[in-house]
Amino acid sequence: MTRIVSNLAEISHQYDALFVDLWGCVHDGIKALPDAVKALQAYRQSGGKVVLVTNSPRPRVGVEKQLVHFGVPEDAWDTIATSGDSARSAMYRGAVGEKVYFIGERRDQDFFRPLDILENPVEITQVPLDEAEGIVCAGPFDPMADLDVMRPDFLLAKQYGLKLLCANPDIVVDRGETREWCAGALAALYTEMGGESLYFGKPHPPIYDLARRRLSALGKPIADDRILAIGDGVLTDIAGAMGEDIDSLFITGGLAREETRTCTDPDASALKSYLSEQMSAPTFAIGYLR
């Protein structure tokens, strides 16, 4: 049964490392969340390691710049694992061919930065859909638009037998008070239409493999039973932790704020109903990371 806790320090002594989601936990897409920052700083001061594990389609360096912009200080984390890095590695190994049709905003072009850690990476060229060997999706062209605008392109892509590489499995995020579509929603639509989508972020294994490698690079390896995953998405953060057999702390005041009736803390009855409906069983739950 999921245990509701009042703060991270109540349970953090049980763990040597945290895998922490960013959006909805450490920042709201506009600015840092001060209580979350303080909790992570205190955890690191006690000797714990913090790996930010995010479904951002951006390379790690892009997320680092974003954190500075949002006001998340460097002493709140140790390293970062992004779905963008995991997906880029797959792309440069040729997972969807060399000629790709790119779906995303202009700011997402960092996805195509060279990846020097691979030997003999394939040469990627962005082309129109009718010339493509595969699709790379970092997010919608317009995150506020109806997803159905992509159906004509997806119908053609399915007829061509193109695979879609999804760089961000999130369905939605909340930028402040505004909810936006993510790449995961388009990948789900493409799959629903009969296409094949490839995922590299939470809840899928590749990003956890990357997170463990980044954690090990900080020092000695840490066993899974000494890692706590923190996030506000039951279908991504919590499902991924459960799949990896890692304990989890569900932030109820993020994406499921209304469903869990979270003000400062979640309503116990509402939380139980929501988790039952979602068939999810996080180890712990808290209103907001603090």
Protein backbone atom coordinates (compact mmCIF):
# COMPACT_ATOMS: atom_id res chain seq x y z
CA MET A 1 0.00 0.00 0.00
CA THR A 2 1.27 3.47 -0.90
CA ARG A 3 2.40 5.46 2.14
CA ILE A 4 1.77 9.21 2.21
CA VAL A 5 4.76 11.15 3.57
CA SER A 6 5.15 14.79 4.56
CA ASN A 7 8.67 15.46 3.25
CA LEU A 8 11.58 13.78 1.46
CA ALA A 9 13.77 13.73 4.59
CA GLU A 10 11.27 11.36 6.21
CA ILE A 11 12.38 8.55 3.87
CA SER A 12 15.55 9.70 2.10
CA HIS A 13 17.91 8.04 4.62
CA GLN A 14 16.87 4.69 3.10
CA TYR A 15 18.44 5.61 -0.26
CA ASP A 16 21.87 6.48 -1.62
CA ALA A 17 20.60 8.01 -4.89
CA LEU A 18 17.52 9.64 -6.35
CA PHE A 19 16.25 9.46 -9.95
CA VAL A 20 14.29 12.72 -10.07
CA ASP A 21 11.85 13.87 -12.73
CA LEU A 22 12.10 17.55 -13.60
CA TRP A 23 8.90 18.99 -15.04
CA GLY A 24 6.20 19.12 -12.35
CA CYS A 25 8.65 18.12 -9.62
CA VAL A 26 11.65 20.49 -9.66
CA HIS A 27 10.23 23.19 -11.97
CA ASP A 28 6.86 23.99 -13.52
CA GLY A 29 8.09 24.74 -17.03
CA ILE A 30 8.59 28.40 -16.12
CA LYS A 31 10.47 28.59 -12.84
CA ALA A 32 12.09 26.44 -10.17
CA LEU A 33 9.99 25.13 -7.28
CA PRO A 34 11.84 26.44 -4.19
CA ASP A 35 10.81 23.69 -1.73
CA ALA A 36 11.91 20.99 -4.17
CA VAL A 37 15.27 22.67 -4.68
CA LYS A 38 15.83 22.90 -0.92
CA ALA A 39 14.93 19.22 -0.44
CA LEU A 40 17.42 18.11 -3.10
CA GLN A 41 20.15 20.39 -1.76
CA ALA A 42 19.65 18.95 1.73
CA TYR A 43 19.74 15.40 0.39
CA ARG A 44 23.01 16.02 -1.44
CA GLN A 45 24.51 17.68 1.64
CA SER A 46 23.75 14.46 3.53
CA GLY A 47 25.83 12.51 0.98
CA GLY A 48 23.16 11.35 -1.47
CA LYS A 49 23.44 11.53 -5.26
CA VAL A 50 20.78 13.17 -7.44
CA VAL A 51 20.32 12.08 -11.05
CA LEU A 52 17.79 14.20 -12.94
CA VAL A 53 15.98 11.73 -15.22
CA THR A 54 13.88 13.63 -17.69
CA ASN A 55 11.82 12.88 -20.78
CA SER A 56 13.09 16.07 -22.36
CA PRO A 57 14.02 15.51 -26.03
CA ARG A 58 16.97 17.84 -25.54
CA PRO A 59 20.60 16.73 -25.09
CA ARG A 60 21.93 16.98 -21.54
CA VAL A 61 23.69 20.29 -22.25
CA GLY A 62 20.40 21.79 -23.41
CA VAL A 63 18.67 20.74 -20.18
CA GLU A 64 21.52 22.23 -18.16
CA LYS A 65 20.98 25.60 -19.86
CA GLN A 66 17.23 25.32 -19.28
CA LEU A 67 17.77 24.69 -15.57
CA VAL A 68 19.85 27.86 -15.30
CA HIS A 69 17.05 29.78 -17.04
CA PHE A 70 14.45 28.37 -14.63
CA GLY A 71 16.60 29.15 -11.60
CA VAL A 72 17.48 25.59 -10.53
CA PRO A 73 20.91 25.85 -8.88
CA GLU A 74 23.73 23.44 -9.74
CA ASP A 75 24.09 22.26 -6.14
CA ALA A 76 20.62 20.64 -6.33
CA TRP A 77 21.78 17.83 -8.66
CA ASP A 78 24.78 15.76 -9.71
CA THR A 79 24.11 14.59 -13.26
CA ILE A 80 21.37 14.35 -15.89
CA ALA A 81 19.95 11.59 -18.08
CA THR A 82 17.59 12.72 -20.85
CA SER A 83 15.36 10.75 -23.16
CA GLY A 84 16.80 12.98 -25.87
CA ASP A 85 20.29 11.59 -25.32
CA SER A 86 18.97 8.01 -25.26
CA ALA A 87 16.95 8.56 -28.43
CA ARG A 88 19.79 10.41 -30.20
CA SER A 89 22.07 7.47 -29.57
CA ALA A 90 19.54 5.17 -31.23
CA MET A 91 19.06 7.56 -34.15
CA TYR A 92 22.80 7.81 -34.81
CA ARG A 93 22.97 4.02 -34.79
CA GLY A 94 20.46 4.02 -37.65
CA ALA A 95 17.28 3.00 -35.78
CA VAL A 96 15.07 4.87 -38.27
CA GLY A 97 17.43 5.19 -41.24
CA GLU A 98 19.61 8.03 -42.45
CA LYS A 99 16.96 10.24 -44.09
CA VAL A 100 14.45 11.35 -41.48
CA TYR A 101 11.31 13.46 -41.35
CA PHE A 102 11.49 15.62 -38.22
CA ILE A 103 8.46 16.59 -36.13
CA GLY A 104 9.13 19.26 -33.52
CA GLU A 105 9.61 22.93 -32.84
CA ARG A 106 12.59 24.90 -34.13
CA ARG A 107 14.11 24.96 -30.65
CA ASP A 108 14.30 21.14 -30.77
CA GLN A 109 16.96 21.16 -33.51
CA ASP A 110 19.59 20.49 -30.84
CA PHE A 111 18.44 16.89 -31.14
CA PHE A 112 20.63 16.68 -34.24
CA ARG A 113 23.83 17.83 -32.53
CA PRO A 114 26.72 15.46 -33.34
CA LEU A 115 27.10 12.54 -30.92
CA ASP A 116 30.83 12.05 -30.51
CA ILE A 117 30.64 9.09 -28.13
CA LEU A 118 29.63 6.70 -30.93
CA GLU A 119 32.03 5.10 -33.36
CA ASN A 120 30.99 5.51 -37.00
CA PRO A 121 27.58 7.13 -36.40
CA VAL A 122 25.29 7.20 -39.42
CA GLU A 123 24.96 10.50 -41.26
CA ILE A 124 21.48 11.91 -40.60
CA THR A 125 19.74 14.15 -43.13
CA GLN A 126 16.39 15.84 -42.55
CA VAL A 127 14.08 15.45 -45.56
CA PRO A 128 10.38 15.85 -46.48
CA LEU A 129 8.08 13.02 -45.45
CA ASP A 130 7.80 11.54 -48.95
CA GLU A 131 11.62 11.13 -49.07
CA ALA A 132 12.07 9.80 -45.52
CA GLU A 133 13.24 6.42 -44.29
CA GLY A 134 11.90 7.12 -40.81
CA ILE A 135 10.44 9.76 -38.48
CA VAL A 136 12.02 11.51 -35.51
CA CYS A 137 9.50 13.16 -33.17
CA ALA A 138 10.62 15.55 -30.42
CA GLY A 139 7.12 16.96 -29.95
CA PRO A 140 4.26 18.52 -31.93
CA PHE A 141 4.92 21.36 -34.34
CA ASP A 142 2.40 23.25 -32.17
CA PRO A 143 1.97 21.81 -28.65
CA MET A 144 -1.44 23.47 -28.32
CA ALA A 145 -2.91 22.17 -31.60
CA ASP A 146 -5.30 19.24 -31.95
CA LEU A 147 -3.35 16.03 -32.51
CA ASP A 148 -5.59 15.10 -35.42
CA VAL A 149 -3.76 17.60 -37.64
CA MET A 150 -1.05 14.92 -37.93
CA ARG A 151 -3.36 12.16 -39.20
CA PRO A 152 -2.75 12.81 -42.94
CA ASP A 153 1.04 12.68 -42.47
CA PHE A 154 0.79 9.60 -40.28
CA LEU A 155 -1.45 7.81 -42.76
CA LEU A 156 1.15 8.37 -45.47
CA ALA A 157 3.98 7.36 -43.15
CA LYS A 158 2.20 4.14 -42.23
CA GLN A 159 1.72 3.31 -45.91
CA TYR A 160 5.48 3.81 -46.39
CA GLY A 161 6.16 1.55 -43.40
CA LEU A 162 8.12 4.23 -41.55
CA LYS A 163 9.12 3.80 -37.90
CA LEU A 164 8.65 6.77 -35.56
CA LEU A 165 11.40 7.43 -33.02
CA CYS A 166 9.79 9.15 -30.01
CA ALA A 167 12.24 11.35 -28.13
CA ASN A 168 9.81 12.16 -25.30
CA PRO A 169 7.22 9.55 -24.23
CA ASP A 170 5.31 12.07 -22.06
CA ILE A 171 1.73 12.59 -23.20
CA VAL A 172 1.25 16.05 -21.66
CA VAL A 173 3.09 18.55 -19.47
CA ASP A 174 1.88 21.59 -17.56
CA ARG A 175 3.76 24.79 -18.40
CA GLY A 176 2.66 26.86 -15.44
CA GLU A 177 -1.13 26.57 -15.65
CA THR A 178 -1.18 25.63 -19.36
CA ARG A 179 -1.31 21.98 -20.44
CA GLU A 180 0.61 21.08 -23.61
CA TRP A 181 0.88 17.97 -25.79
CA CYS A 182 4.20 16.11 -25.94
CA ALA A 183 5.79 13.69 -28.41
CA GLY A 184 4.35 10.70 -26.58
CA ALA A 185 0.85 11.74 -27.58
CA LEU A 186 1.84 11.73 -31.26
CA ALA A 187 3.62 8.39 -30.93
CA ALA A 188 0.50 6.92 -29.32
CA LEU A 189 -1.64 8.27 -32.16
CA TYR A 190 0.73 6.80 -34.76
CA THR A 191 0.64 3.42 -33.02
CA GLU A 192 -3.16 3.59 -32.80
CA MET A 193 -3.24 4.16 -36.57
CA GLY A 194 -1.15 1.04 -37.16
CA GLY A 195 2.33 2.57 -37.30
CA GLU A 196 5.36 1.48 -35.26
CA SER A 197 6.75 3.79 -32.57
CA LEU A 198 10.09 3.39 -30.78
CA TYR A 199 10.42 4.81 -27.25
CA PHE A 200 13.56 5.74 -25.31
CA GLY A 201 12.38 7.72 -22.28
CA LYS A 202 10.42 6.79 -19.16
CA PRO A 203 8.87 4.28 -18.60
CA HIS A 204 11.05 2.36 -21.09
CA PRO A 205 14.34 0.64 -20.11
CA PRO A 206 16.89 2.59 -22.24
CA ILE A 207 16.71 5.77 -20.16
CA TYR A 208 17.15 3.84 -16.91
CA ASP A 209 20.22 2.13 -18.35
CA LEU A 210 21.57 5.60 -19.19
CA ALA A 211 20.69 6.93 -15.72
CA ARG A 212 22.54 4.04 -14.05
CA ARG A 213 25.61 4.65 -16.22
CA ARG A 214 25.57 8.36 -15.35
CA LEU A 215 25.17 7.47 -11.65
CA SER A 216 28.04 4.96 -11.75
CA ALA A 217 30.27 7.58 -13.37
CA LEU A 218 29.93 9.65 -10.16
CA GLY A 219 31.65 6.94 -8.12
CA LYS A 220 30.90 3.39 -7.08
CA PRO A 221 27.77 1.66 -8.48
CA ILE A 222 24.63 1.85 -6.34
CA ALA A 223 22.23 -1.09 -6.06
CA ASP A 224 18.66 -0.64 -7.28
CA ASP A 225 17.25 -1.16 -3.80
CA ARG A 226 19.13 1.95 -2.69
CA ILE A 227 17.63 4.14 -5.45
CA LEU A 228 14.37 6.10 -5.13
CA ALA A 229 12.61 7.34 -8.29
CA ILE A 230 10.60 10.56 -7.91
CA GLY A 231 8.02 11.85 -10.38
CA ASP A 232 4.49 13.09 -11.02
CA GLY A 233 3.57 10.78 -13.92
CA VAL A 234 2.07 7.39 -13.04
CA LEU A 235 2.36 6.24 -16.67
CA THR A 236 5.99 7.32 -16.99
CA ASP A 237 7.86 7.93 -13.72
CA ILE A 238 6.01 5.44 -11.54
CA ALA A 239 5.43 2.79 -14.22
CA GLY A 240 9.10 2.98 -15.14
CA ALA A 241 10.23 2.61 -11.54
CA MET A 242 7.92 -0.37 -11.05
CA GLY A 243 9.25 -1.97 -14.23
CA GLU A 244 12.83 -1.52 -13.02
CA ASP A 245 11.95 -2.74 -9.49
CA ILE A 246 12.95 0.62 -7.98
CA ASP A 247 11.06 2.26 -5.09
CA SER A 248 9.14 5.39 -6.06
CA LEU A 249 7.78 8.63 -4.61
CA PHE A 250 4.71 9.89 -6.46
CA ILE A 251 4.32 13.69 -6.59
CA THR A 252 0.52 14.03 -6.54
CA GLY A 253 0.43 17.81 -6.98
CA GLY A 254 1.66 17.62 -10.59
CA LEU A 255 -0.25 16.05 -13.45
CA ALA A 256 -2.74 14.33 -11.10
CA ARG A 257 -3.39 17.33 -8.86
CA GLU A 258 -7.14 17.38 -9.50
CA GLU A 259 -7.64 13.61 -9.45
CA THR A 260 -5.84 13.27 -6.09
CA ARG A 261 -7.40 16.46 -4.64
CA THR A 262 -3.97 17.73 -3.71
CA CYS A 263 -3.65 21.06 -1.93
CA THR A 264 -0.67 20.67 0.35
CA ASP A 265 -1.09 16.90 0.59
CA PRO A 266 -3.16 14.40 -1.40
CA ASP A 267 -6.56 13.32 -0.16
CA ALA A 268 -5.99 9.71 0.96
CA SER A 269 -9.28 8.42 -0.43
CA ALA A 270 -8.89 10.20 -3.77
CA LEU A 271 -5.30 8.97 -4.07
CA LYS A 272 -6.33 5.38 -3.42
CA SER A 273 -9.08 5.58 -6.06
CA TYR A 274 -6.78 7.19 -8.62
CA LEU A 275 -4.00 4.65 -8.16
CA SER A 276 -6.50 1.79 -8.35
CA GLU A 277 -7.90 3.18 -11.59
CA GLN A 278 -4.40 3.59 -13.02
CA MET A 279 -3.30 0.16 -11.71
CA SER A 280 -0.27 1.85 -10.16
CA ALA A 281 1.43 1.20 -6.83
CA PRO A 282 4.10 3.76 -5.94
CA THR A 283 5.97 3.09 -2.70
CA PHE A 284 5.31 6.56 -1.34
CA ALA A 285 3.25 9.63 -2.22
CA ILE A 286 3.60 13.32 -1.34
CA GLY A 287 1.77 16.46 -2.45
CA TYR A 288 4.87 18.31 -3.61
CA LEU A 289 8.58 17.59 -3.40
CA ARG A 290 9.78 19.28 -0.23
